[in-house]
N, C-alpha and C. Protein backbone atom coordinates (compact mmCIF):
# COMPACT_ATOMS: atom_id res chain seq x y z
N MET A 1 10.10 -4.68 -5.31
CA MET A 1 9.41 -3.51 -6.10
C MET A 1 9.22 -2.29 -5.37
N LEU A 2 8.72 -2.59 -4.03
CA LEU A 2 8.49 -1.42 -3.16
C LEU A 2 9.62 -0.64 -2.81
N ASN A 3 10.82 -1.43 -2.71
CA ASN A 3 12.13 -0.69 -2.42
C ASN A 3 12.43 0.12 -3.57
N GLU A 4 12.23 -0.32 -4.86
CA GLU A 4 12.47 0.44 -6.08
C GLU A 4 11.70 1.72 -6.06
N ALA A 5 10.46 1.58 -5.73
CA ALA A 5 9.58 2.80 -5.69
C ALA A 5 10.16 3.71 -4.66
N LEU A 6 10.46 3.34 -3.38
CA LEU A 6 10.97 4.16 -2.24
C LEU A 6 12.27 4.77 -2.88
N LYS A 7 13.01 4.08 -3.69
CA LYS A 7 14.37 4.66 -4.10
C LYS A 7 14.13 5.75 -5.07
N MET A 8 13.14 5.57 -5.91
CA MET A 8 12.69 6.62 -6.93
C MET A 8 12.30 7.86 -6.31
N LEU A 9 11.50 7.68 -5.07
CA LEU A 9 11.06 8.80 -4.40
C LEU A 9 12.05 9.51 -3.65
N GLN A 10 13.07 8.75 -3.03
CA GLN A 10 14.17 9.41 -2.32
C GLN A 10 15.08 10.18 -3.31
N ASP A 11 15.23 9.64 -4.59
CA ASP A 11 15.93 10.39 -5.62
C ASP A 11 15.31 11.74 -6.01
N LYS A 12 13.99 11.82 -5.71
CA LYS A 12 13.29 13.07 -5.90
C LYS A 12 13.23 14.05 -4.71
N GLY A 13 13.92 13.43 -3.63
CA GLY A 13 13.92 14.23 -2.36
C GLY A 13 12.84 13.89 -1.26
N PHE A 14 12.15 12.90 -1.48
CA PHE A 14 11.25 12.54 -0.54
C PHE A 14 11.77 11.74 0.65
N GLU A 15 11.36 11.97 1.75
CA GLU A 15 11.70 11.08 2.95
C GLU A 15 10.79 9.91 2.92
N THR A 16 11.38 8.52 3.01
CA THR A 16 10.63 7.43 2.91
C THR A 16 10.93 6.39 4.15
N GLU A 17 10.14 5.61 4.42
CA GLU A 17 10.32 4.50 5.36
C GLU A 17 9.74 3.25 4.88
N PHE A 18 10.54 2.22 5.09
CA PHE A 18 9.98 0.73 4.54
C PHE A 18 9.66 0.16 5.83
N PHE A 19 8.44 -0.61 5.66
CA PHE A 19 7.92 -1.44 6.51
C PHE A 19 7.54 -2.80 5.88
N GLY A 20 8.18 -3.81 6.20
CA GLY A 20 8.01 -5.10 5.60
C GLY A 20 7.23 -6.00 6.60
N VAL A 21 6.62 -6.86 6.10
CA VAL A 21 5.67 -7.87 7.01
C VAL A 21 6.60 -9.07 7.18
N ARG A 22 7.58 -9.40 6.49
CA ARG A 22 8.20 -10.65 6.61
C ARG A 22 8.94 -10.62 8.01
N GLY A 23 8.60 -11.67 8.81
CA GLY A 23 9.10 -11.89 10.01
C GLY A 23 8.33 -11.14 11.06
N LYS A 24 7.29 -10.45 10.70
CA LYS A 24 6.55 -9.66 11.87
C LYS A 24 5.45 -10.55 12.35
N ASN A 25 5.06 -10.16 13.44
CA ASN A 25 3.92 -10.79 14.13
C ASN A 25 2.73 -9.89 13.95
N ILE A 26 1.84 -10.07 12.95
CA ILE A 26 0.63 -9.39 12.72
C ILE A 26 -0.45 -10.33 12.57
N THR A 27 -1.41 -10.24 13.59
CA THR A 27 -2.48 -11.20 13.54
C THR A 27 -3.68 -10.53 12.89
N PRO A 28 -4.53 -11.39 12.52
CA PRO A 28 -5.72 -10.84 11.81
C PRO A 28 -6.66 -9.97 12.83
N CYS A 29 -7.47 -9.22 12.36
CA CYS A 29 -8.49 -8.38 13.04
C CYS A 29 -9.44 -9.39 13.73
N ARG A 30 -9.69 -9.33 15.04
CA ARG A 30 -10.65 -10.13 15.64
C ARG A 30 -12.10 -9.55 15.50
N HIS A 31 -12.26 -8.38 15.06
CA HIS A 31 -13.53 -7.62 15.05
C HIS A 31 -14.20 -7.66 16.37
N CYS A 32 -13.53 -7.51 17.31
CA CYS A 32 -14.22 -7.72 18.77
C CYS A 32 -14.76 -6.33 19.28
N ASP A 33 -14.47 -5.30 18.55
CA ASP A 33 -14.94 -4.01 18.78
C ASP A 33 -14.17 -3.23 19.96
N TYR A 34 -13.19 -3.83 20.53
CA TYR A 34 -12.35 -3.25 21.65
C TYR A 34 -11.90 -1.93 21.10
N CYS A 35 -11.47 -1.77 19.85
CA CYS A 35 -11.06 -0.51 19.46
C CYS A 35 -12.00 0.62 19.38
N ILE A 36 -13.27 0.15 19.13
CA ILE A 36 -14.48 1.08 19.13
C ILE A 36 -14.66 1.69 20.53
N ARG A 37 -14.53 0.77 21.50
CA ARG A 37 -14.86 1.13 22.93
C ARG A 37 -13.67 1.88 23.45
N GLU A 38 -12.33 1.39 23.12
CA GLU A 38 -11.20 1.96 23.92
C GLU A 38 -10.33 2.91 23.05
N GLY A 39 -10.50 2.94 21.73
CA GLY A 39 -9.72 3.70 20.77
C GLY A 39 -8.30 3.18 20.45
N GLU A 40 -8.11 1.89 20.75
CA GLU A 40 -6.83 1.26 20.36
C GLU A 40 -7.19 -0.21 20.25
N CYS A 41 -6.17 -0.89 19.63
CA CYS A 41 -6.44 -2.43 19.36
C CYS A 41 -6.00 -3.11 20.49
N ILE A 42 -6.75 -4.18 20.90
CA ILE A 42 -6.40 -4.99 21.92
C ILE A 42 -5.34 -5.92 21.71
N VAL A 43 -5.12 -6.23 20.50
CA VAL A 43 -3.98 -7.11 20.12
C VAL A 43 -2.55 -6.36 20.22
N ARG A 44 -1.75 -6.72 20.87
CA ARG A 44 -0.43 -5.93 21.11
C ARG A 44 0.58 -6.88 20.28
N ASP A 45 0.85 -6.40 19.17
CA ASP A 45 1.80 -7.14 18.28
C ASP A 45 2.54 -6.06 17.42
N ASP A 46 3.11 -6.47 16.29
CA ASP A 46 3.98 -5.54 15.46
C ASP A 46 3.06 -4.52 14.70
N MET A 47 1.84 -4.54 14.79
CA MET A 47 1.15 -3.32 14.21
C MET A 47 1.32 -2.09 14.92
N TYR A 48 1.79 -2.40 16.17
CA TYR A 48 1.97 -1.11 16.96
C TYR A 48 3.25 -0.40 16.50
N GLU A 49 4.21 -1.03 15.57
CA GLU A 49 5.26 -0.40 14.98
C GLU A 49 4.80 0.44 13.83
N LEU A 50 3.73 -0.13 13.10
CA LEU A 50 3.21 0.44 11.99
C LEU A 50 2.16 1.56 12.07
N TYR A 51 1.48 1.43 13.18
CA TYR A 51 0.45 2.53 13.37
C TYR A 51 0.98 3.95 13.25
N PRO A 52 2.10 4.27 14.03
CA PRO A 52 2.51 5.62 13.85
C PRO A 52 3.08 6.00 12.49
N LEU A 53 3.60 4.99 11.88
CA LEU A 53 4.19 5.37 10.42
C LEU A 53 2.93 5.68 9.47
N ILE A 54 1.89 5.01 9.70
CA ILE A 54 0.69 5.22 8.81
C ILE A 54 0.18 6.69 9.21
N THR A 55 0.00 7.00 10.43
CA THR A 55 -0.62 8.26 10.85
C THR A 55 0.20 9.52 10.51
N SER A 56 1.55 9.31 10.55
CA SER A 56 2.38 10.49 10.26
C SER A 56 2.74 10.57 8.80
N ALA A 57 2.49 9.59 7.97
CA ALA A 57 2.87 9.70 6.48
C ALA A 57 1.92 10.72 5.68
N ASN A 58 2.22 11.23 4.75
CA ASN A 58 1.54 11.93 3.86
C ASN A 58 1.02 10.97 2.53
N GLY A 59 1.79 9.98 2.42
CA GLY A 59 1.59 9.04 1.37
C GLY A 59 1.85 7.65 1.71
N ILE A 60 1.18 6.69 1.21
CA ILE A 60 1.38 5.27 1.65
C ILE A 60 1.51 4.41 0.38
N ILE A 61 2.57 3.55 0.21
CA ILE A 61 2.50 2.60 -0.86
C ILE A 61 2.20 1.32 -0.22
N MET A 62 1.25 0.63 -0.81
CA MET A 62 1.06 -0.82 -0.34
C MET A 62 1.61 -1.68 -1.47
N ALA A 63 2.32 -2.77 -1.18
CA ALA A 63 2.77 -3.63 -2.15
C ALA A 63 2.44 -4.96 -1.64
N THR A 64 2.07 -5.92 -2.70
CA THR A 64 1.85 -7.25 -2.40
C THR A 64 2.06 -8.23 -3.33
N PRO A 65 2.53 -9.37 -3.12
CA PRO A 65 2.50 -10.54 -4.02
C PRO A 65 1.03 -10.95 -4.22
N ILE A 66 0.79 -11.63 -5.29
CA ILE A 66 -0.54 -12.00 -5.52
C ILE A 66 -0.58 -13.44 -4.92
N TYR A 67 -1.63 -13.61 -4.13
CA TYR A 67 -1.85 -14.95 -3.52
C TYR A 67 -3.32 -15.19 -3.98
N ASN A 68 -3.52 -16.30 -4.76
CA ASN A 68 -4.81 -16.79 -5.10
C ASN A 68 -5.62 -15.66 -5.76
N GLY A 69 -5.11 -14.83 -6.50
CA GLY A 69 -5.81 -13.80 -7.31
C GLY A 69 -6.03 -12.63 -6.61
N GLY A 70 -5.53 -12.40 -5.51
CA GLY A 70 -5.62 -11.11 -4.57
C GLY A 70 -4.50 -10.82 -3.85
N VAL A 71 -4.81 -9.86 -2.70
CA VAL A 71 -3.70 -9.40 -1.80
C VAL A 71 -3.37 -10.49 -0.97
N SER A 72 -2.24 -10.38 -0.36
CA SER A 72 -1.71 -11.57 0.54
C SER A 72 -2.49 -11.39 1.93
N ALA A 73 -2.47 -12.37 2.48
CA ALA A 73 -3.18 -12.50 3.91
C ALA A 73 -2.47 -11.44 5.01
N GLN A 74 -1.20 -11.26 4.71
CA GLN A 74 -0.62 -10.35 5.57
C GLN A 74 -0.95 -9.01 5.35
N LEU A 75 -1.12 -8.49 4.12
CA LEU A 75 -1.62 -7.16 3.69
C LEU A 75 -2.99 -7.07 4.19
N LYS A 76 -3.73 -8.05 3.86
CA LYS A 76 -5.26 -7.89 4.31
C LYS A 76 -5.34 -7.65 5.90
N SER A 77 -4.46 -8.43 6.54
CA SER A 77 -4.46 -8.21 8.15
C SER A 77 -4.11 -6.69 8.47
N ILE A 78 -3.19 -6.29 7.64
CA ILE A 78 -2.81 -4.80 8.03
C ILE A 78 -4.08 -3.97 7.78
N MET A 79 -4.65 -4.14 6.60
CA MET A 79 -5.77 -3.20 6.12
C MET A 79 -6.85 -3.43 7.22
N ASP A 80 -7.15 -4.60 7.70
CA ASP A 80 -8.25 -4.89 8.62
C ASP A 80 -7.84 -4.22 9.96
N ARG A 81 -6.66 -4.50 10.38
CA ARG A 81 -6.31 -4.00 11.71
C ARG A 81 -6.11 -2.29 11.80
N CYS A 82 -6.16 -1.79 10.63
CA CYS A 82 -6.29 -0.25 10.69
C CYS A 82 -7.76 0.20 11.23
N ARG A 83 -8.47 -0.57 11.44
CA ARG A 83 -9.93 -0.36 11.99
C ARG A 83 -9.65 0.38 13.31
N ALA A 84 -8.62 -0.13 14.09
CA ALA A 84 -8.33 0.61 15.34
C ALA A 84 -7.95 2.01 15.05
N LEU A 85 -7.16 2.25 14.11
CA LEU A 85 -6.79 3.63 13.78
C LEU A 85 -8.06 4.59 13.52
N GLY A 86 -8.95 3.94 12.67
CA GLY A 86 -10.18 4.58 12.40
C GLY A 86 -11.05 4.76 13.51
N ALA A 87 -11.01 3.96 14.49
CA ALA A 87 -11.78 4.04 15.67
C ALA A 87 -11.30 5.13 16.59
N ALA A 88 -9.93 5.34 16.59
CA ALA A 88 -9.41 6.33 17.36
C ALA A 88 -9.45 7.76 16.61
N ASP A 89 -9.45 7.78 15.29
CA ASP A 89 -9.42 8.99 14.57
C ASP A 89 -10.19 8.74 13.08
N TYR A 90 -11.26 8.99 12.96
CA TYR A 90 -12.06 8.68 11.83
C TYR A 90 -11.30 9.02 10.48
N ASP A 91 -10.63 10.09 10.64
CA ASP A 91 -10.03 10.67 9.44
C ASP A 91 -8.44 10.37 9.42
N PHE A 92 -8.10 9.33 9.95
CA PHE A 92 -6.69 9.03 10.11
C PHE A 92 -5.98 9.00 8.73
N LEU A 93 -6.58 8.66 7.55
CA LEU A 93 -5.95 8.75 6.31
C LEU A 93 -6.63 9.61 5.38
N ARG A 94 -7.60 10.62 5.85
CA ARG A 94 -8.23 11.48 5.15
C ARG A 94 -7.19 12.47 4.27
N ASN A 95 -7.37 12.41 2.97
CA ASN A 95 -6.80 13.24 2.08
C ASN A 95 -5.09 13.02 2.07
N LYS A 96 -4.76 11.77 2.41
CA LYS A 96 -3.36 11.34 2.16
C LYS A 96 -3.49 10.57 0.81
N VAL A 97 -2.39 10.35 0.21
CA VAL A 97 -2.27 9.64 -0.99
C VAL A 97 -1.87 8.35 -0.88
N GLY A 98 -2.38 7.41 -1.77
CA GLY A 98 -2.02 6.09 -1.69
C GLY A 98 -1.87 5.41 -2.92
N MET A 99 -0.79 4.62 -3.23
CA MET A 99 -0.59 3.85 -4.49
C MET A 99 -0.36 2.43 -4.17
N ALA A 100 -0.46 1.56 -5.30
CA ALA A 100 -0.36 0.17 -5.06
C ALA A 100 0.64 -0.44 -5.96
N ILE A 101 1.41 -1.48 -5.52
CA ILE A 101 2.21 -2.20 -6.33
C ILE A 101 1.91 -3.63 -6.19
N THR A 102 1.91 -4.46 -7.24
CA THR A 102 1.43 -5.90 -7.08
C THR A 102 2.55 -6.67 -8.09
N VAL A 103 2.86 -7.91 -7.64
CA VAL A 103 3.52 -8.76 -8.29
C VAL A 103 2.87 -10.09 -8.38
N GLY A 104 2.58 -10.59 -9.60
CA GLY A 104 1.94 -11.90 -9.75
C GLY A 104 2.88 -12.82 -10.66
N GLY A 105 2.73 -14.12 -10.40
CA GLY A 105 3.42 -15.15 -11.09
C GLY A 105 2.96 -15.21 -12.61
N ASP A 106 1.70 -14.83 -12.81
CA ASP A 106 1.17 -14.92 -14.13
C ASP A 106 1.12 -13.52 -14.61
N ARG A 107 1.20 -13.13 -15.98
CA ARG A 107 0.86 -11.78 -16.48
C ARG A 107 -0.42 -11.25 -16.01
N ILE A 108 -1.49 -12.08 -16.01
CA ILE A 108 -2.90 -11.73 -15.55
C ILE A 108 -3.09 -12.75 -14.43
N GLY A 109 -2.62 -12.53 -13.41
CA GLY A 109 -2.72 -13.41 -12.18
C GLY A 109 -3.40 -12.84 -11.00
N GLY A 110 -4.18 -11.61 -11.26
CA GLY A 110 -4.93 -11.06 -10.14
C GLY A 110 -4.36 -9.69 -9.69
N GLN A 111 -3.29 -9.13 -10.44
CA GLN A 111 -2.64 -7.84 -10.15
C GLN A 111 -3.69 -6.80 -9.99
N GLU A 112 -4.66 -6.75 -11.00
CA GLU A 112 -5.39 -5.54 -11.03
C GLU A 112 -6.55 -5.73 -10.00
N LEU A 113 -7.05 -6.91 -9.75
CA LEU A 113 -7.93 -7.03 -8.64
C LEU A 113 -7.37 -6.77 -7.29
N ALA A 114 -6.08 -7.08 -7.05
CA ALA A 114 -5.46 -6.66 -5.85
C ALA A 114 -5.27 -5.26 -5.72
N ILE A 115 -4.96 -4.57 -6.81
CA ILE A 115 -4.90 -3.15 -6.81
C ILE A 115 -6.25 -2.62 -6.33
N GLN A 116 -7.27 -3.07 -6.81
CA GLN A 116 -8.64 -2.60 -6.55
C GLN A 116 -8.93 -2.88 -5.17
N GLN A 117 -8.41 -3.96 -4.45
CA GLN A 117 -8.65 -4.32 -3.04
C GLN A 117 -8.06 -3.20 -2.29
N ILE A 118 -6.79 -2.84 -2.64
CA ILE A 118 -5.93 -1.80 -1.98
C ILE A 118 -6.66 -0.42 -2.06
N PHE A 119 -7.15 -0.14 -3.32
CA PHE A 119 -7.80 1.09 -3.62
C PHE A 119 -9.11 1.29 -2.78
N THR A 120 -9.80 0.06 -2.50
CA THR A 120 -11.07 0.14 -1.89
C THR A 120 -10.61 0.60 -0.54
N PHE A 121 -9.51 0.01 0.12
CA PHE A 121 -9.22 0.21 1.55
C PHE A 121 -8.92 1.76 1.46
N TYR A 122 -8.26 2.30 0.51
CA TYR A 122 -7.80 3.85 0.50
C TYR A 122 -9.22 4.77 0.46
N ILE A 123 -10.05 4.33 -0.38
CA ILE A 123 -11.28 5.01 -0.45
C ILE A 123 -12.14 4.94 0.79
N LEU A 124 -12.22 3.78 1.42
CA LEU A 124 -13.01 3.71 2.61
C LEU A 124 -12.45 4.57 3.79
N THR A 125 -11.05 4.79 3.78
CA THR A 125 -10.43 5.33 4.73
C THR A 125 -10.28 6.94 4.29
N GLY A 126 -10.69 7.34 3.28
CA GLY A 126 -10.56 8.74 2.90
C GLY A 126 -9.26 9.08 2.23
N ALA A 127 -8.38 8.12 2.08
CA ALA A 127 -7.14 8.35 1.23
C ALA A 127 -7.47 8.64 -0.32
N ILE A 128 -6.65 9.18 -0.97
CA ILE A 128 -6.78 9.40 -2.37
C ILE A 128 -5.90 8.27 -3.11
N PRO A 129 -6.53 7.39 -4.00
CA PRO A 129 -5.72 6.55 -4.57
C PRO A 129 -5.14 7.14 -5.92
N ILE A 130 -3.83 6.85 -6.06
CA ILE A 130 -3.05 7.39 -7.29
C ILE A 130 -2.79 6.30 -8.20
N SER A 131 -3.18 6.47 -9.35
CA SER A 131 -2.76 5.34 -10.46
C SER A 131 -1.64 5.89 -11.35
N GLY A 132 -1.12 5.06 -12.28
CA GLY A 132 -0.13 5.62 -13.13
C GLY A 132 -0.72 6.16 -14.34
N GLY A 133 -2.03 6.25 -14.56
CA GLY A 133 -2.67 6.83 -15.59
C GLY A 133 -2.83 5.97 -16.81
N ALA A 134 -3.52 6.44 -17.84
CA ALA A 134 -3.80 5.60 -19.01
C ALA A 134 -2.52 5.23 -19.79
N PHE A 135 -2.64 4.35 -20.56
CA PHE A 135 -1.56 3.89 -21.52
C PHE A 135 -0.34 3.31 -20.77
N GLY A 136 -0.81 2.14 -20.03
CA GLY A 136 0.44 1.42 -19.47
C GLY A 136 0.42 1.18 -17.90
N ALA A 137 -0.36 1.93 -17.35
CA ALA A 137 -0.30 1.86 -15.72
C ALA A 137 -1.76 2.35 -15.12
N ASN A 138 -2.74 1.84 -15.92
CA ASN A 138 -3.95 2.37 -15.48
C ASN A 138 -4.37 2.40 -14.05
N LEU A 139 -4.07 1.43 -13.33
CA LEU A 139 -4.40 1.30 -11.87
C LEU A 139 -3.27 1.56 -11.02
N GLY A 140 -2.08 1.16 -11.46
CA GLY A 140 -0.95 1.21 -10.58
C GLY A 140 0.16 0.38 -11.17
N ALA A 141 1.15 0.10 -10.34
CA ALA A 141 2.22 -0.65 -10.82
C ALA A 141 2.00 -2.06 -10.58
N ASN A 142 2.12 -2.83 -11.61
CA ASN A 142 1.97 -4.36 -11.65
C ASN A 142 3.05 -5.03 -12.39
N PHE A 143 3.42 -6.11 -11.82
CA PHE A 143 4.65 -6.96 -12.29
C PHE A 143 4.33 -8.36 -12.57
N TRP A 144 4.90 -9.03 -13.47
CA TRP A 144 4.70 -10.32 -13.84
C TRP A 144 6.09 -10.92 -13.42
N SER A 145 6.12 -11.86 -12.42
CA SER A 145 7.46 -12.28 -11.98
C SER A 145 7.85 -13.62 -12.61
N GLN A 146 6.88 -14.31 -13.33
CA GLN A 146 7.18 -15.70 -13.98
C GLN A 146 7.66 -16.51 -12.78
N ASP A 147 7.18 -16.27 -11.62
CA ASP A 147 7.46 -17.07 -10.44
C ASP A 147 8.94 -16.95 -9.98
N THR A 148 9.66 -16.02 -10.53
CA THR A 148 11.07 -15.89 -10.06
C THR A 148 11.56 -14.33 -9.83
N LEU A 149 12.43 -14.11 -8.90
CA LEU A 149 12.90 -12.71 -8.81
C LEU A 149 13.52 -12.33 -10.18
N GLU A 150 14.27 -13.08 -10.84
CA GLU A 150 14.69 -12.71 -12.23
C GLU A 150 13.65 -12.30 -13.14
N GLY A 151 12.52 -13.02 -13.19
CA GLY A 151 11.43 -12.54 -13.97
C GLY A 151 10.97 -11.23 -13.55
N VAL A 152 10.89 -10.81 -12.41
CA VAL A 152 10.40 -9.48 -12.03
C VAL A 152 11.48 -8.46 -12.60
N LYS A 153 12.69 -8.64 -12.32
CA LYS A 153 13.78 -7.76 -12.76
C LYS A 153 13.70 -7.68 -14.29
N GLN A 154 13.25 -8.68 -15.10
CA GLN A 154 13.14 -8.47 -16.62
C GLN A 154 11.89 -7.96 -16.99
N ASP A 155 10.86 -7.69 -16.18
CA ASP A 155 9.56 -7.19 -16.65
C ASP A 155 9.74 -5.65 -16.90
N GLU A 156 10.12 -5.30 -18.07
CA GLU A 156 10.13 -3.97 -18.57
C GLU A 156 8.72 -3.22 -18.49
N GLN A 157 7.76 -4.02 -18.84
CA GLN A 157 6.40 -3.29 -18.88
C GLN A 157 6.12 -2.98 -17.25
N GLY A 158 6.33 -3.89 -16.51
CA GLY A 158 6.13 -3.71 -15.02
C GLY A 158 6.89 -2.39 -14.56
N PHE A 159 8.22 -2.26 -15.01
CA PHE A 159 9.02 -1.18 -14.46
C PHE A 159 8.44 0.11 -15.16
N ARG A 160 7.90 0.05 -16.34
CA ARG A 160 7.25 1.18 -16.85
C ARG A 160 6.04 1.67 -16.08
N SER A 161 5.29 0.65 -15.66
CA SER A 161 4.03 1.05 -14.82
C SER A 161 4.48 1.62 -13.48
N LEU A 162 5.58 1.07 -13.03
CA LEU A 162 6.12 1.49 -11.68
C LEU A 162 6.61 3.06 -11.88
N ARG A 163 7.43 3.32 -12.91
CA ARG A 163 7.91 4.67 -12.99
C ARG A 163 6.72 5.62 -13.25
N LYS A 164 5.65 5.24 -14.04
CA LYS A 164 4.52 6.19 -14.31
C LYS A 164 3.81 6.42 -13.09
N THR A 165 3.61 5.46 -12.22
CA THR A 165 2.87 5.45 -11.05
C THR A 165 3.60 6.31 -10.03
N VAL A 166 4.88 5.95 -9.74
CA VAL A 166 5.57 6.75 -8.74
C VAL A 166 5.72 8.39 -9.16
N LYS A 167 5.82 8.58 -10.48
CA LYS A 167 5.90 9.98 -10.95
C LYS A 167 4.61 10.65 -10.53
N ARG A 168 3.50 10.09 -10.80
CA ARG A 168 2.16 10.78 -10.53
C ARG A 168 2.05 10.78 -8.90
N PHE A 169 2.42 9.84 -8.24
CA PHE A 169 2.36 9.78 -6.83
C PHE A 169 3.30 10.93 -6.32
N GLY A 170 4.47 10.96 -6.63
CA GLY A 170 5.36 12.19 -6.33
C GLY A 170 4.86 13.50 -6.68
N ASN A 171 4.36 13.79 -7.84
CA ASN A 171 3.72 14.91 -8.29
C ASN A 171 2.69 15.27 -7.38
N PHE A 172 1.65 14.41 -7.00
CA PHE A 172 0.60 14.72 -6.06
C PHE A 172 1.15 15.10 -4.74
N LEU A 173 2.15 14.36 -4.26
CA LEU A 173 2.72 14.73 -2.83
C LEU A 173 3.37 16.11 -2.88
N GLU A 174 3.90 16.59 -3.97
CA GLU A 174 4.54 17.85 -4.11
C GLU A 174 3.57 18.94 -4.22
N HIS A 175 2.43 18.74 -4.83
CA HIS A 175 1.54 19.81 -5.05
C HIS A 175 0.21 19.91 -4.21
N PHE A 176 0.11 18.87 -3.36
CA PHE A 176 -1.06 18.81 -2.46
C PHE A 176 -0.86 19.51 -1.18
N GLU A 177 -1.71 20.29 -0.65
CA GLU A 177 -1.40 20.80 0.78
C GLU A 177 -2.10 19.87 1.70
N PHE A 178 -1.26 19.34 2.64
CA PHE A 178 -1.63 18.56 3.74
C PHE A 178 -1.89 19.39 4.90
N LYS A 179 -3.13 18.92 5.46
CA LYS A 179 -3.36 19.60 6.84
C LYS A 179 -2.53 19.10 7.95
N GLU A 180 -2.04 19.95 8.83
CA GLU A 180 -1.34 19.46 9.96
C GLU A 180 -2.19 19.04 11.08
């Protein structure tokens, strides 16, 4: 679904970059405070591929399958490890825009809770969370997979929430002045 969102944005002329966690080595934050003292994370893993993508982007889309009613451990590790970016530059996400995409095995399997977890990360880091708006995409794009890829592809309500959210995300990117 993240690739679908990126394709929609590319079709509108936006430059996008996909970063997937599958096969990546991203360990959880140790909360050792090395980043507070040194301005960088002590753990040298694949987060160092992601850090420059985050800091150079005007908008970020976080997507997650639903694990036990919330975000995946992999996404939570990424959010936690961004502590190092905040230690180096408190405003690393200030006034950038963020949206969320979730996919759950059940229609009401934790998608909105996961979006709220992602939005909390955005709010705490100064990013502006973008939803799809009322009437079908209140918080963002969420899908019901019925535990299959085919189920996701057949979820028209999910695709409607994705289209609405991507449209608002793109409109915000077009009309907001980002500081260089």
